Amino acid sequence: MTIEEKAEEYIEKNCNIWEEEELTVDEIVRLAYLDSAKENGVVWHDLRKDSNDLPEEYIPVLNQYGEHRSYDGHYWRDCDDVIYTNVIAWCEIPQFKE
């Protein structure tokens, strides 16, 4: 199956769900990205489904925008120690092994 065929199948499968939730284009793109990452072996943790599905403290992770963050037990922070509140999904940073 080509990438284009996979994209069409994905849209057909999820279009009604997105319309019911009245998602913006940005939100749809993010959800599609998260789903495609799963197909490539990246495990995303969706905090909208389970707000307690948090990483171990101070482990560097990627948020839904691909930005580096860590969770300190109370807040999401970046490398400059700035606090963020908009993290809705995270994954461990992929480790490439030989």
Protein backbone atom coordinates (compact mmCIF):
# COMPACT_ATOMS: atom_id res chain seq x y z
CA MET A 1 0.00 0.00 0.00
CA THR A 2 1.38 3.41 -0.97
CA ILE A 3 1.64 6.35 1.43
CA GLU A 4 -1.17 8.08 -0.46
CA GLU A 5 -3.42 5.03 -0.03
CA LYS A 6 -2.59 4.85 3.68
CA ALA A 7 -3.44 8.56 4.02
CA GLU A 8 -6.80 8.08 2.28
CA GLU A 9 -7.60 5.07 4.48
CA TYR A 10 -6.67 7.05 7.61
CA ILE A 11 -8.89 9.98 6.61
CA GLU A 12 -11.85 7.71 5.82
CA LYS A 13 -11.47 5.92 9.16
CA ASN A 14 -11.15 9.08 11.28
CA CYS A 15 -13.01 11.86 9.44
CA ASN A 16 -16.37 11.34 11.20
CA ILE A 17 -14.70 11.31 14.62
CA TRP A 18 -12.94 14.62 13.89
CA GLU A 19 -16.13 16.26 12.64
CA GLU A 20 -18.04 15.21 15.77
CA GLU A 21 -15.36 16.72 18.00
CA GLU A 22 -15.17 19.91 15.88
CA LEU A 23 -11.37 19.86 15.79
CA THR A 24 -9.29 22.53 14.11
CA VAL A 25 -6.98 21.67 11.23
CA ASP A 26 -3.97 22.02 13.56
CA GLU A 27 -5.49 19.55 16.01
CA ILE A 28 -6.24 17.09 13.20
CA VAL A 29 -2.67 17.34 11.91
CA ARG A 30 -1.30 16.71 15.41
CA LEU A 31 -3.53 13.66 15.89
CA ALA A 32 -2.52 12.30 12.49
CA TYR A 33 1.14 12.81 13.40
CA LEU A 34 0.68 10.98 16.69
CA ASP A 35 -1.01 8.07 14.93
CA SER A 36 1.66 7.83 12.23
CA ALA A 37 4.37 7.85 14.88
CA LYS A 38 2.72 4.79 16.47
CA GLU A 39 3.04 2.98 13.15
CA ASN A 40 6.79 3.67 13.24
CA GLY A 41 7.26 2.27 16.76
CA VAL A 42 7.06 5.51 18.77
CA VAL A 43 4.76 5.18 21.78
CA TRP A 44 2.81 8.36 22.47
CA HIS A 45 1.14 8.96 25.82
CA ASP A 46 -2.07 10.98 25.36
CA LEU A 47 -2.75 12.94 28.55
CA ARG A 48 -6.29 13.73 27.40
CA LYS A 49 -7.09 10.02 27.73
CA ASP A 50 -5.17 9.50 30.99
CA SER A 51 -3.87 12.56 32.81
CA ASN A 52 -1.83 10.31 35.12
CA ASP A 53 0.19 8.75 32.27
CA LEU A 54 3.25 10.84 33.06
CA PRO A 55 6.96 10.14 32.50
CA GLU A 56 9.44 9.53 35.26
CA GLU A 57 10.59 12.79 36.77
CA TYR A 58 13.27 14.72 34.87
CA ILE A 59 13.49 12.24 31.98
CA PRO A 60 13.79 14.23 28.71
CA VAL A 61 10.83 13.59 26.40
CA LEU A 62 9.22 15.14 23.31
CA ASN A 63 5.84 16.85 23.50
CA GLN A 64 3.18 16.83 20.78
CA TYR A 65 5.08 19.56 18.90
CA GLY A 66 8.38 17.66 18.95
CA GLU A 67 9.85 20.00 21.58
CA HIS A 68 12.07 18.75 24.40
CA ARG A 69 10.47 18.81 27.83
CA SER A 70 10.85 17.13 31.20
CA TYR A 71 8.31 16.61 33.95
CA ASP A 72 9.40 17.52 37.48
CA GLY A 73 6.50 15.87 39.30
CA HIS A 74 4.38 19.03 39.13
CA TYR A 75 5.24 20.98 35.98
CA TRP A 76 6.49 20.50 32.41
CA ARG A 77 9.75 22.40 31.88
CA ASP A 78 12.15 23.06 29.03
CA CYS A 79 15.95 23.16 29.22
CA ASP A 80 15.80 26.83 30.29
CA ASP A 81 13.51 25.88 33.21
CA VAL A 82 10.49 27.61 31.65
CA ILE A 83 7.17 26.05 32.77
CA TYR A 84 4.67 24.87 30.13
CA THR A 85 0.99 24.02 30.55
CA ASN A 86 0.06 23.00 27.00
CA VAL A 87 1.51 19.45 26.98
CA ILE A 88 -1.24 17.05 25.92
CA ALA A 89 0.97 14.20 24.68
CA TRP A 90 4.52 13.02 25.16
CA CYS A 91 6.88 10.25 24.05
CA GLU A 92 10.30 9.09 25.07
CA ILE A 93 13.04 10.45 22.84
CA PRO A 94 13.80 7.66 20.35
CA GLN A 95 17.12 5.95 20.96
CA PHE A 96 18.86 4.62 17.88
CA LYS A 97 20.61 1.32 18.52
CA GLU A 98 23.08 -0.40 16.23
